[in-house]
Protein backbone atom coordinates (compact mmCIF):
# COMPACT_ATOMS: atom_id res chain seq x y z
CA UNK A 1 25.33 113.13 -214.26
CA UNK A 2 24.03 116.65 -214.92
CA UNK A 3 21.78 116.70 -211.84
CA UNK A 4 24.39 115.70 -209.22
CA UNK A 5 26.94 118.07 -210.77
CA UNK A 6 24.45 120.93 -210.61
CA UNK A 7 23.54 120.09 -207.00
CA UNK A 8 27.20 119.92 -206.00
CA UNK A 9 27.92 123.24 -207.74
CA UNK A 10 25.06 125.03 -205.99
CA UNK A 11 26.03 123.52 -202.63
CA UNK A 12 29.66 124.60 -203.11
CA UNK A 13 28.60 128.12 -204.10
CA UNK A 14 26.34 128.60 -201.10
CA UNK A 15 28.90 127.10 -198.70
CA UNK A 16 31.59 129.42 -200.05
CA UNK A 17 29.35 132.46 -199.64
CA UNK A 18 28.45 131.47 -196.08
CA UNK A 19 32.12 130.89 -195.24
CA UNK A 20 33.25 134.31 -196.53
CA UNK A 21 30.07 136.21 -195.63
CA UNK A 22 29.62 136.97 -199.33
CA UNK A 23 27.05 139.12 -201.13
CA UNK A 24 24.77 136.15 -201.81
CA UNK A 25 23.79 136.28 -198.15
CA UNK A 26 21.85 139.45 -198.94
CA UNK A 27 19.25 137.08 -200.37
CA UNK A 28 18.84 135.60 -196.90
CA UNK A 29 18.39 139.01 -195.32
CA UNK A 30 15.90 140.14 -197.95
CA UNK A 31 13.92 136.90 -197.62
CA UNK A 32 13.86 137.10 -193.83
CA UNK A 33 12.67 140.71 -193.87
CA UNK A 34 10.06 139.97 -196.52
CA UNK A 35 8.71 136.97 -194.63
CA UNK A 36 8.57 138.94 -191.39
CA UNK A 37 6.64 141.74 -193.08
CA UNK A 38 4.20 139.28 -194.64
CA UNK A 39 3.76 137.42 -191.36
CA UNK A 40 3.04 140.71 -189.58
CA UNK A 41 0.60 141.82 -192.26
CA UNK A 42 -1.33 138.55 -192.26
CA UNK A 43 -1.19 138.16 -188.48
CA UNK A 44 -2.51 134.61 -188.86
CA UNK A 45 -1.97 132.51 -185.76
CA UNK A 46 -3.20 129.31 -187.48
CA UNK A 47 -0.78 129.89 -190.36
CA UNK A 48 2.10 130.42 -187.93
CA UNK A 49 1.21 127.22 -186.09
CA UNK A 50 0.93 125.42 -189.41
CA UNK A 51 4.43 126.57 -190.41
CA UNK A 52 5.90 125.46 -187.10
CA UNK A 53 4.13 122.09 -187.32
CA UNK A 54 5.48 121.48 -190.82
CA UNK A 55 9.00 122.34 -189.70
CA UNK A 56 8.67 119.81 -186.87
CA UNK A 57 8.29 117.07 -189.49
CA UNK A 58 12.01 117.55 -190.14
CA UNK A 59 13.00 116.40 -186.66
CA UNK A 60 14.64 113.03 -186.08
CA UNK A 61 11.27 112.04 -184.67
CA UNK A 62 9.14 111.45 -186.70
CA UNK A 63 11.42 111.34 -189.79
CA UNK A 64 13.71 108.45 -188.79
CA UNK A 65 10.90 106.18 -187.48
CA UNK A 66 9.00 106.81 -190.73
CA UNK A 67 12.12 105.84 -192.69
CA UNK A 68 12.62 102.63 -190.72
CA UNK A 69 8.94 101.75 -190.92
CA UNK A 70 8.84 102.24 -194.68
CA UNK A 71 12.01 100.18 -195.02
CA UNK A 72 10.36 97.35 -193.09
CA UNK A 73 7.28 97.58 -195.32
CA UNK A 74 9.43 97.60 -198.46
CA UNK A 75 11.37 94.55 -197.27
CA UNK A 76 8.16 92.68 -196.45
CA UNK A 77 6.66 93.45 -199.86
CA UNK A 78 9.88 92.40 -201.59
CA UNK A 79 9.98 89.17 -199.59
CA UNK A 80 6.36 88.42 -200.43
CA UNK A 81 7.16 89.00 -204.11
CA UNK A 82 9.99 86.47 -203.92
CA UNK A 83 12.86 88.87 -204.52
CA UNK A 84 16.24 87.35 -203.57
CA UNK A 85 17.53 90.57 -201.99
CA UNK A 86 14.35 91.44 -200.15
CA UNK A 87 16.39 92.48 -197.09
CA UNK A 88 18.12 95.35 -198.92
CA UNK A 89 15.82 98.11 -197.58
CA UNK A 90 16.64 96.98 -194.04
CA UNK A 91 20.31 97.66 -194.75
CA UNK A 92 19.86 100.91 -196.66
CA UNK A 93 17.59 102.68 -194.16
CA UNK A 94 20.03 102.67 -191.20
CA UNK A 95 22.82 103.84 -193.48
CA UNK A 96 20.70 106.80 -194.60
CA UNK A 97 19.74 107.60 -191.00
CA UNK A 98 23.37 107.57 -189.85
CA UNK A 99 24.52 109.70 -192.79
CA UNK A 100 22.36 112.62 -191.68
CA UNK A 101 24.26 113.57 -188.51
CA UNK A 102 27.59 112.53 -190.01
CA UNK A 103 27.15 115.04 -192.82
CA UNK A 104 25.27 117.83 -191.06
CA UNK A 105 26.78 118.13 -187.57
CA UNK A 106 30.43 118.67 -188.64
CA UNK A 107 29.31 121.25 -191.21
CA UNK A 108 27.26 123.12 -188.61
CA UNK A 109 30.21 123.17 -186.22
CA UNK A 110 32.65 124.33 -188.92
CA UNK A 111 30.53 127.13 -190.43
CA UNK A 112 29.12 128.19 -187.02
CA UNK A 113 26.56 130.44 -188.67
CA UNK A 114 24.20 132.44 -186.44
CA UNK A 115 20.48 132.10 -187.04
CA UNK A 116 17.99 134.61 -188.48
CA UNK A 117 17.64 136.43 -185.16
CA UNK A 118 21.32 137.40 -185.27
CA UNK A 119 22.04 136.21 -181.74
CA UNK A 120 25.66 135.03 -181.30
CA UNK A 121 26.11 131.29 -180.93
CA UNK A 122 26.33 129.87 -177.44
CA UNK A 123 29.34 127.62 -176.74
CA UNK A 124 27.18 124.49 -176.89
CA UNK A 125 25.52 125.42 -180.19
CA UNK A 126 26.64 124.05 -183.56
CA UNK A 127 25.30 126.74 -185.86
CA UNK A 128 22.50 127.00 -188.40
CA UNK A 129 24.22 126.04 -191.64
CA UNK A 130 23.19 123.73 -193.19
CA UNK A 131 19.66 123.10 -191.96
CA UNK A 132 19.48 119.83 -190.02
CA UNK A 133 15.70 119.62 -190.17
CA UNK A 134 15.71 120.12 -193.94
CA UNK A 135 18.40 117.49 -194.48
CA UNK A 136 16.71 115.06 -192.09
CA UNK A 137 13.33 115.34 -193.79
CA UNK A 138 14.67 115.19 -197.34
CA UNK A 139 17.04 112.27 -196.74
CA UNK A 140 14.73 110.26 -194.46
CA UNK A 141 11.48 110.71 -196.36
CA UNK A 142 13.28 110.66 -199.71
CA UNK A 143 14.98 107.36 -198.91
CA UNK A 144 11.68 105.94 -197.68
CA UNK A 145 10.01 106.91 -200.97
CA UNK A 146 12.95 105.48 -202.91
CA UNK A 147 12.67 102.12 -201.17
CA UNK A 148 8.90 101.93 -201.48
CA UNK A 149 8.95 102.89 -205.15
CA UNK A 150 10.91 99.72 -205.93
CA UNK A 151 8.20 97.44 -204.61
CA UNK A 152 4.91 99.33 -204.99
CA UNK A 153 2.52 99.06 -207.89
CA UNK A 154 3.76 101.43 -210.65
CA UNK A 155 0.59 103.48 -210.40
CA UNK A 156 1.44 104.40 -206.80
CA UNK A 157 5.01 105.50 -207.42
CA UNK A 158 4.23 108.98 -208.75
CA UNK A 159 1.82 109.87 -205.88
CA UNK A 160 4.42 108.66 -203.34
CA UNK A 161 7.14 110.78 -204.93
CA UNK A 162 4.85 113.81 -205.22
CA UNK A 163 3.67 113.52 -201.62
CA UNK A 164 7.25 113.18 -200.38
CA UNK A 165 8.32 116.25 -202.34
CA UNK A 166 5.43 118.28 -200.92
CA UNK A 167 6.27 117.30 -197.35
CA UNK A 168 9.94 118.20 -197.83
CA UNK A 169 9.02 121.52 -199.43
CA UNK A 170 6.65 122.16 -196.55
CA UNK A 171 9.39 121.54 -194.00
CA UNK A 172 11.71 124.01 -195.72
CA UNK A 173 8.99 126.62 -196.11
CA UNK A 174 7.94 126.18 -192.48
CA UNK A 175 11.50 126.71 -191.28
CA UNK A 176 11.88 129.94 -193.23
CA UNK A 177 8.37 131.16 -192.34
CA UNK A 178 8.96 130.55 -188.63
CA UNK A 179 12.38 132.28 -188.63
CA UNK A 180 14.04 129.00 -187.67
CA UNK A 181 16.45 129.07 -190.62
CA UNK A 182 17.84 131.24 -193.37
CA UNK A 183 16.69 130.45 -196.90
CA UNK A 184 20.20 129.43 -197.99
CA UNK A 185 20.45 126.99 -195.06
CA UNK A 186 17.43 125.22 -196.49
CA UNK A 187 18.55 125.34 -200.13
CA UNK A 188 21.97 123.93 -199.25
CA UNK A 189 20.43 121.03 -197.33
CA UNK A 190 18.17 120.22 -200.26
CA UNK A 191 21.25 120.06 -202.49
CA UNK A 192 23.05 117.86 -199.97
CA UNK A 193 20.04 115.56 -199.66
CA UNK A 194 19.72 115.38 -203.44
CA UNK A 195 23.31 114.16 -203.71
CA UNK A 196 22.74 111.54 -201.01
CA UNK A 197 19.54 110.29 -202.64
CA UNK A 198 21.14 110.16 -206.09
CA UNK A 199 24.01 108.10 -204.65
CA UNK A 200 21.63 105.74 -202.83
CA UNK A 201 19.50 105.28 -205.95
CA UNK A 202 22.59 104.47 -208.02
CA UNK A 203 23.77 101.98 -205.39
CA UNK A 204 20.36 100.29 -205.30
CA UNK A 205 20.33 99.93 -209.08
CA UNK A 206 23.69 98.17 -208.93
CA UNK A 207 22.83 95.94 -205.98
CA UNK A 208 19.37 95.01 -207.21
CA UNK A 209 18.85 95.95 -210.90
CA UNK A 210 15.18 94.92 -210.80
């Protein structure tokens, strides 16, 4: 229980600081200014394109199709192995996909935080906190890895988890590098995604102990 408690505590702390415009937000400003200075000093167009491309991996497309495809693969492998609840991934994946907007959109609307450029929000905008792309990538790819890990050969589980973690880290880094999000937007979404994945993993262990 230590991990979910720690994630919830960090998420609550960041959310409180964003809500009251607290001193922790100075970390966001310092990070943004540091990244801008580094980006200007390097002046690397390929690196900038690389950061933007990584951040795009956090969009609903391709993240949700990857999740659904991996769920289908996991269900097929479970069915081929003769598991009685082989269909479980097909039920879990849509739940995870639906949870993303249900958790992120209301929070964005409530906090209504402007982005790193400091431009006031337009009436049709939800706000930047928490990061939707970060949450989408971490929950979608994380759930996909969780489902696959239950049916893959044990030797493949660690590479799948490591690759998923690298992609999710890349999305967050790309968002901050490209000035698409504040650092705390990204950190909060990672905490939120961690809580969702921990809950899904616990539910899967109860529904299918094997």
